[in-house]
N, C-alpha and C. Protein backbone atom coordinates (compact mmCIF):
# COMPACT_ATOMS: atom_id res chain seq x y z
N MET A 1 -4.21 -24.11 -13.13
CA MET A 1 -4.99 -24.84 -12.15
C MET A 1 -4.43 -24.63 -10.75
N VAL A 2 -3.11 -24.59 -10.63
CA VAL A 2 -2.49 -24.36 -9.33
C VAL A 2 -2.90 -23.00 -8.79
N GLU A 3 -2.93 -22.01 -9.71
CA GLU A 3 -3.32 -20.65 -9.33
C GLU A 3 -4.76 -20.63 -8.83
N GLN A 4 -5.65 -21.38 -9.49
CA GLN A 4 -7.05 -21.45 -9.06
C GLN A 4 -7.15 -22.04 -7.66
N ASN A 5 -6.37 -23.08 -7.40
CA ASN A 5 -6.38 -23.71 -6.08
C ASN A 5 -5.90 -22.73 -5.01
N LYS A 6 -4.88 -21.93 -5.33
CA LYS A 6 -4.37 -20.94 -4.38
C LYS A 6 -5.45 -19.91 -4.06
N ASN A 7 -6.13 -19.42 -5.11
CA ASN A 7 -7.19 -18.43 -4.90
C ASN A 7 -8.33 -19.01 -4.10
N LYS A 8 -8.68 -20.24 -4.38
CA LYS A 8 -9.76 -20.90 -3.65
C LYS A 8 -9.40 -21.05 -2.18
N MET A 9 -8.13 -21.43 -1.91
CA MET A 9 -7.68 -21.59 -0.53
C MET A 9 -7.72 -20.26 0.21
N LYS A 10 -7.38 -19.16 -0.48
CA LYS A 10 -7.38 -17.84 0.16
C LYS A 10 -8.79 -17.43 0.54
N GLN A 11 -9.78 -17.82 -0.27
CA GLN A 11 -11.15 -17.43 -0.01
C GLN A 11 -11.76 -18.22 1.15
N GLN A 12 -11.28 -19.41 1.37
CA GLN A 12 -11.83 -20.25 2.43
C GLN A 12 -11.23 -19.87 3.77
N LYS A 13 -12.05 -20.01 4.82
CA LYS A 13 -11.54 -19.74 6.16
C LYS A 13 -10.74 -20.93 6.66
N ASN A 14 -9.75 -20.63 7.46
CA ASN A 14 -8.95 -21.68 8.08
C ASN A 14 -9.63 -22.09 9.38
N ASN A 15 -10.63 -22.94 9.27
CA ASN A 15 -11.36 -23.34 10.48
C ASN A 15 -11.20 -24.82 10.81
N HIS A 16 -10.22 -25.45 10.21
CA HIS A 16 -9.91 -26.85 10.54
C HIS A 16 -8.50 -26.90 11.09
N SER A 17 -8.27 -27.87 11.94
CA SER A 17 -6.93 -27.99 12.51
C SER A 17 -6.48 -29.44 12.51
N ILE A 18 -5.18 -29.59 12.49
CA ILE A 18 -4.54 -30.89 12.60
C ILE A 18 -3.52 -30.77 13.72
N ILE A 19 -3.54 -31.71 14.60
CA ILE A 19 -2.61 -31.69 15.72
C ILE A 19 -1.60 -32.82 15.51
N PHE A 20 -0.34 -32.49 15.66
CA PHE A 20 0.70 -33.52 15.58
C PHE A 20 1.76 -33.20 16.62
N ARG A 21 2.50 -34.21 16.99
CA ARG A 21 3.49 -34.07 18.06
C ARG A 21 4.89 -33.90 17.48
N LEU A 22 5.67 -33.07 18.17
CA LEU A 22 7.06 -32.82 17.81
C LEU A 22 7.91 -32.86 19.05
N THR A 23 9.17 -33.14 18.86
CA THR A 23 10.10 -32.95 19.97
C THR A 23 10.36 -31.46 20.10
N GLN A 24 10.93 -31.04 21.19
CA GLN A 24 11.26 -29.63 21.38
C GLN A 24 12.22 -29.15 20.29
N GLU A 25 13.19 -30.00 19.97
CA GLU A 25 14.17 -29.65 18.93
C GLU A 25 13.49 -29.47 17.57
N GLU A 26 12.56 -30.38 17.22
CA GLU A 26 11.84 -30.26 15.95
C GLU A 26 10.99 -28.99 15.91
N LYS A 27 10.38 -28.68 17.03
CA LYS A 27 9.54 -27.48 17.12
C LYS A 27 10.37 -26.22 16.90
N GLU A 28 11.53 -26.16 17.52
CA GLU A 28 12.41 -25.00 17.35
C GLU A 28 12.90 -24.89 15.91
N LYS A 29 13.23 -26.03 15.33
CA LYS A 29 13.69 -26.04 13.94
C LYS A 29 12.57 -25.57 13.00
N LEU A 30 11.35 -26.03 13.26
CA LEU A 30 10.20 -25.63 12.46
C LEU A 30 9.97 -24.12 12.56
N LYS A 31 10.03 -23.59 13.77
CA LYS A 31 9.86 -22.15 13.97
C LYS A 31 10.96 -21.36 13.26
N ALA A 32 12.19 -21.85 13.36
CA ALA A 32 13.33 -21.16 12.73
C ALA A 32 13.18 -21.16 11.21
N ASN A 33 12.78 -22.29 10.64
CA ASN A 33 12.60 -22.37 9.19
C ASN A 33 11.48 -21.46 8.71
N ALA A 34 10.40 -21.41 9.46
CA ALA A 34 9.29 -20.51 9.10
C ALA A 34 9.75 -19.06 9.15
N LYS A 35 10.51 -18.73 10.18
CA LYS A 35 11.00 -17.36 10.32
C LYS A 35 11.94 -16.99 9.16
N LYS A 36 12.82 -17.92 8.77
CA LYS A 36 13.73 -17.67 7.65
C LYS A 36 12.97 -17.34 6.37
N CYS A 37 11.81 -17.94 6.22
CA CYS A 37 11.00 -17.72 5.02
C CYS A 37 10.04 -16.55 5.19
N GLY A 38 10.04 -15.94 6.35
CA GLY A 38 9.15 -14.81 6.59
C GLY A 38 7.69 -15.20 6.72
N LEU A 39 7.44 -16.40 7.22
CA LEU A 39 6.08 -16.92 7.33
C LEU A 39 5.76 -17.32 8.75
N SER A 40 4.46 -17.34 9.05
CA SER A 40 4.05 -17.92 10.33
C SER A 40 4.26 -19.42 10.24
N VAL A 41 4.28 -20.09 11.38
CA VAL A 41 4.46 -21.54 11.37
C VAL A 41 3.33 -22.20 10.60
N SER A 42 2.09 -21.75 10.83
CA SER A 42 0.94 -22.35 10.13
C SER A 42 1.06 -22.19 8.62
N LYS A 43 1.38 -20.99 8.17
CA LYS A 43 1.49 -20.75 6.73
C LYS A 43 2.66 -21.53 6.14
N PHE A 44 3.76 -21.62 6.88
CA PHE A 44 4.92 -22.38 6.44
C PHE A 44 4.54 -23.85 6.23
N ILE A 45 3.84 -24.43 7.19
CA ILE A 45 3.43 -25.84 7.08
C ILE A 45 2.48 -26.02 5.91
N ARG A 46 1.52 -25.10 5.76
CA ARG A 46 0.60 -25.21 4.62
C ARG A 46 1.35 -25.15 3.30
N LYS A 47 2.27 -24.20 3.17
CA LYS A 47 3.01 -24.07 1.92
C LYS A 47 3.87 -25.31 1.66
N GLN A 48 4.53 -25.81 2.68
CA GLN A 48 5.42 -26.96 2.50
C GLN A 48 4.63 -28.22 2.15
N SER A 49 3.43 -28.35 2.67
CA SER A 49 2.71 -29.61 2.51
C SER A 49 1.66 -29.59 1.40
N ILE A 50 1.19 -28.43 0.98
CA ILE A 50 0.08 -28.38 0.03
C ILE A 50 0.49 -27.90 -1.35
N GLU A 51 1.28 -26.85 -1.42
CA GLU A 51 1.65 -26.32 -2.73
C GLU A 51 2.47 -27.34 -3.50
N THR A 52 2.25 -27.37 -4.80
CA THR A 52 2.89 -28.41 -5.62
C THR A 52 4.38 -28.18 -5.83
N SER A 53 4.80 -26.94 -5.95
CA SER A 53 6.21 -26.69 -6.17
C SER A 53 6.68 -25.50 -5.34
N PRO A 54 6.75 -25.67 -4.03
CA PRO A 54 7.20 -24.54 -3.21
C PRO A 54 8.65 -24.18 -3.49
N ASN A 55 8.94 -22.90 -3.44
CA ASN A 55 10.29 -22.42 -3.68
C ASN A 55 10.60 -21.40 -2.60
N PHE A 56 11.17 -21.86 -1.53
CA PHE A 56 11.42 -20.98 -0.40
C PHE A 56 12.87 -20.54 -0.36
N LEU A 57 13.05 -19.28 -0.14
CA LEU A 57 14.38 -18.73 0.08
C LEU A 57 14.37 -18.05 1.44
N SER A 58 15.45 -18.15 2.14
CA SER A 58 15.55 -17.43 3.40
C SER A 58 15.62 -15.94 3.11
N GLN A 59 15.39 -15.13 4.12
CA GLN A 59 15.46 -13.68 3.93
C GLN A 59 16.86 -13.28 3.46
N GLU A 60 17.86 -13.93 4.01
CA GLU A 60 19.25 -13.65 3.61
C GLU A 60 19.45 -13.97 2.12
N ASP A 61 18.92 -15.11 1.68
CA ASP A 61 19.04 -15.48 0.27
C ASP A 61 18.29 -14.50 -0.62
N ARG A 62 17.09 -14.06 -0.19
CA ARG A 62 16.34 -13.09 -0.98
C ARG A 62 17.10 -11.77 -1.09
N ASN A 63 17.74 -11.35 0.01
CA ASN A 63 18.53 -10.12 -0.01
C ASN A 63 19.71 -10.25 -0.97
N GLU A 64 20.39 -11.39 -0.92
CA GLU A 64 21.53 -11.61 -1.81
C GLU A 64 21.08 -11.66 -3.27
N LEU A 65 19.93 -12.25 -3.52
CA LEU A 65 19.40 -12.30 -4.88
C LEU A 65 19.11 -10.89 -5.38
N GLN A 66 18.57 -10.03 -4.53
CA GLN A 66 18.32 -8.64 -4.91
C GLN A 66 19.63 -7.94 -5.27
N GLU A 67 20.67 -8.17 -4.47
CA GLU A 67 21.97 -7.56 -4.77
C GLU A 67 22.52 -8.06 -6.10
N LEU A 68 22.37 -9.36 -6.37
CA LEU A 68 22.83 -9.91 -7.64
C LEU A 68 22.08 -9.30 -8.81
N LYS A 69 20.78 -9.07 -8.63
CA LYS A 69 19.99 -8.45 -9.69
C LYS A 69 20.50 -7.04 -9.96
N LYS A 70 20.81 -6.29 -8.90
CA LYS A 70 21.34 -4.93 -9.08
C LYS A 70 22.67 -4.96 -9.83
N ILE A 71 23.53 -5.91 -9.47
CA ILE A 71 24.82 -6.03 -10.14
C ILE A 71 24.61 -6.38 -11.62
N ALA A 72 23.69 -7.30 -11.88
CA ALA A 72 23.41 -7.70 -13.27
C ALA A 72 22.92 -6.51 -14.09
N ILE A 73 22.09 -5.68 -13.50
CA ILE A 73 21.59 -4.49 -14.20
C ILE A 73 22.75 -3.55 -14.53
N GLU A 74 23.64 -3.35 -13.57
CA GLU A 74 24.79 -2.47 -13.82
C GLU A 74 25.72 -3.03 -14.89
N ILE A 75 25.93 -4.33 -14.88
CA ILE A 75 26.76 -4.96 -15.92
C ILE A 75 26.11 -4.76 -17.28
N ASN A 76 24.80 -4.95 -17.34
CA ASN A 76 24.09 -4.78 -18.60
C ASN A 76 24.19 -3.33 -19.10
N ARG A 77 24.01 -2.38 -18.21
CA ARG A 77 24.14 -0.97 -18.60
C ARG A 77 25.55 -0.67 -19.12
N THR A 78 26.52 -1.18 -18.42
CA THR A 78 27.91 -0.94 -18.81
C THR A 78 28.20 -1.54 -20.18
N LEU A 79 27.73 -2.76 -20.40
CA LEU A 79 27.95 -3.40 -21.70
C LEU A 79 27.22 -2.67 -22.81
N ASN A 80 26.04 -2.15 -22.53
CA ASN A 80 25.32 -1.37 -23.54
C ASN A 80 26.12 -0.13 -23.92
N LEU A 81 26.69 0.54 -22.94
CA LEU A 81 27.52 1.71 -23.24
C LEU A 81 28.74 1.31 -24.06
N TYR A 82 29.32 0.18 -23.71
CA TYR A 82 30.48 -0.31 -24.45
C TYR A 82 30.12 -0.57 -25.91
N HIS A 83 28.99 -1.24 -26.12
CA HIS A 83 28.58 -1.56 -27.48
C HIS A 83 28.20 -0.32 -28.28
N GLU A 84 27.82 0.72 -27.58
CA GLU A 84 27.53 1.99 -28.25
C GLU A 84 28.82 2.76 -28.53
N LYS A 85 29.95 2.17 -28.16
CA LYS A 85 31.29 2.74 -28.39
C LYS A 85 31.55 3.99 -27.56
N ARG A 86 30.76 4.20 -26.52
CA ARG A 86 30.98 5.39 -25.71
C ARG A 86 32.12 5.19 -24.72
N LEU A 87 32.35 3.97 -24.33
CA LEU A 87 33.37 3.73 -23.30
C LEU A 87 34.48 2.81 -23.78
N GLU A 88 34.61 2.67 -25.06
CA GLU A 88 35.54 1.69 -25.62
C GLU A 88 36.97 1.86 -25.14
N HIS A 89 37.40 3.08 -24.93
CA HIS A 89 38.80 3.32 -24.59
C HIS A 89 39.00 3.67 -23.11
N SER A 90 38.01 3.45 -22.30
CA SER A 90 38.17 3.80 -20.89
C SER A 90 39.08 2.81 -20.19
N PRO A 91 39.75 3.23 -19.12
CA PRO A 91 40.64 2.32 -18.37
C PRO A 91 39.88 1.12 -17.81
N PHE A 92 38.63 1.34 -17.44
CA PHE A 92 37.83 0.24 -16.91
C PHE A 92 37.71 -0.88 -17.94
N PHE A 93 37.39 -0.51 -19.18
CA PHE A 93 37.22 -1.53 -20.20
C PHE A 93 38.53 -2.19 -20.59
N LYS A 94 39.62 -1.49 -20.45
CA LYS A 94 40.91 -2.12 -20.70
C LYS A 94 41.14 -3.24 -19.69
N ARG A 95 40.78 -2.96 -18.42
CA ARG A 95 40.92 -3.99 -17.38
C ARG A 95 39.94 -5.14 -17.63
N VAL A 96 38.73 -4.82 -18.05
CA VAL A 96 37.74 -5.86 -18.32
C VAL A 96 38.20 -6.76 -19.46
N ARG A 97 38.68 -6.15 -20.55
CA ARG A 97 39.17 -6.93 -21.69
C ARG A 97 40.32 -7.83 -21.29
N LYS A 98 41.22 -7.32 -20.47
CA LYS A 98 42.36 -8.11 -20.01
C LYS A 98 41.88 -9.30 -19.16
N PHE A 99 40.93 -9.03 -18.28
CA PHE A 99 40.39 -10.08 -17.43
C PHE A 99 39.68 -11.15 -18.26
N VAL A 100 38.86 -10.71 -19.20
CA VAL A 100 38.11 -11.66 -20.05
C VAL A 100 39.07 -12.49 -20.88
N SER A 101 40.12 -11.88 -21.39
CA SER A 101 41.07 -12.64 -22.19
C SER A 101 41.77 -13.72 -21.34
N LYS A 102 42.04 -13.42 -20.08
CA LYS A 102 42.63 -14.42 -19.18
C LYS A 102 41.68 -15.57 -18.98
N ILE A 103 40.40 -15.28 -18.80
CA ILE A 103 39.39 -16.32 -18.58
C ILE A 103 39.26 -17.23 -19.80
N ASN A 104 39.32 -16.62 -20.98
CA ASN A 104 39.14 -17.37 -22.21
C ASN A 104 40.33 -18.25 -22.57
N LYS A 105 41.47 -18.05 -21.92
CA LYS A 105 42.65 -18.86 -22.24
C LYS A 105 42.56 -20.25 -21.70
């Protein structure tokens, strides 16, 4: 149902407006938050006030999440090789086993 509402909103023209007052500081903060999310101020306000479960990440957070995903993929690949016994005796895995054993203590 949420998806239907989003599609319906996209099809409708934005021809209504709401005017509200802000201090200069609030206005700057609003602009900064919209920019962090990569959105216009209007779209930021619509998302914050209308969507049922908005999940906004700043551009910096999105970039860091991408890096974490890349690291997770590499860890998974490495573990798959380990389980296939291809790298069981490598120096890297000796260090990993030592590190894991310290953590488990």
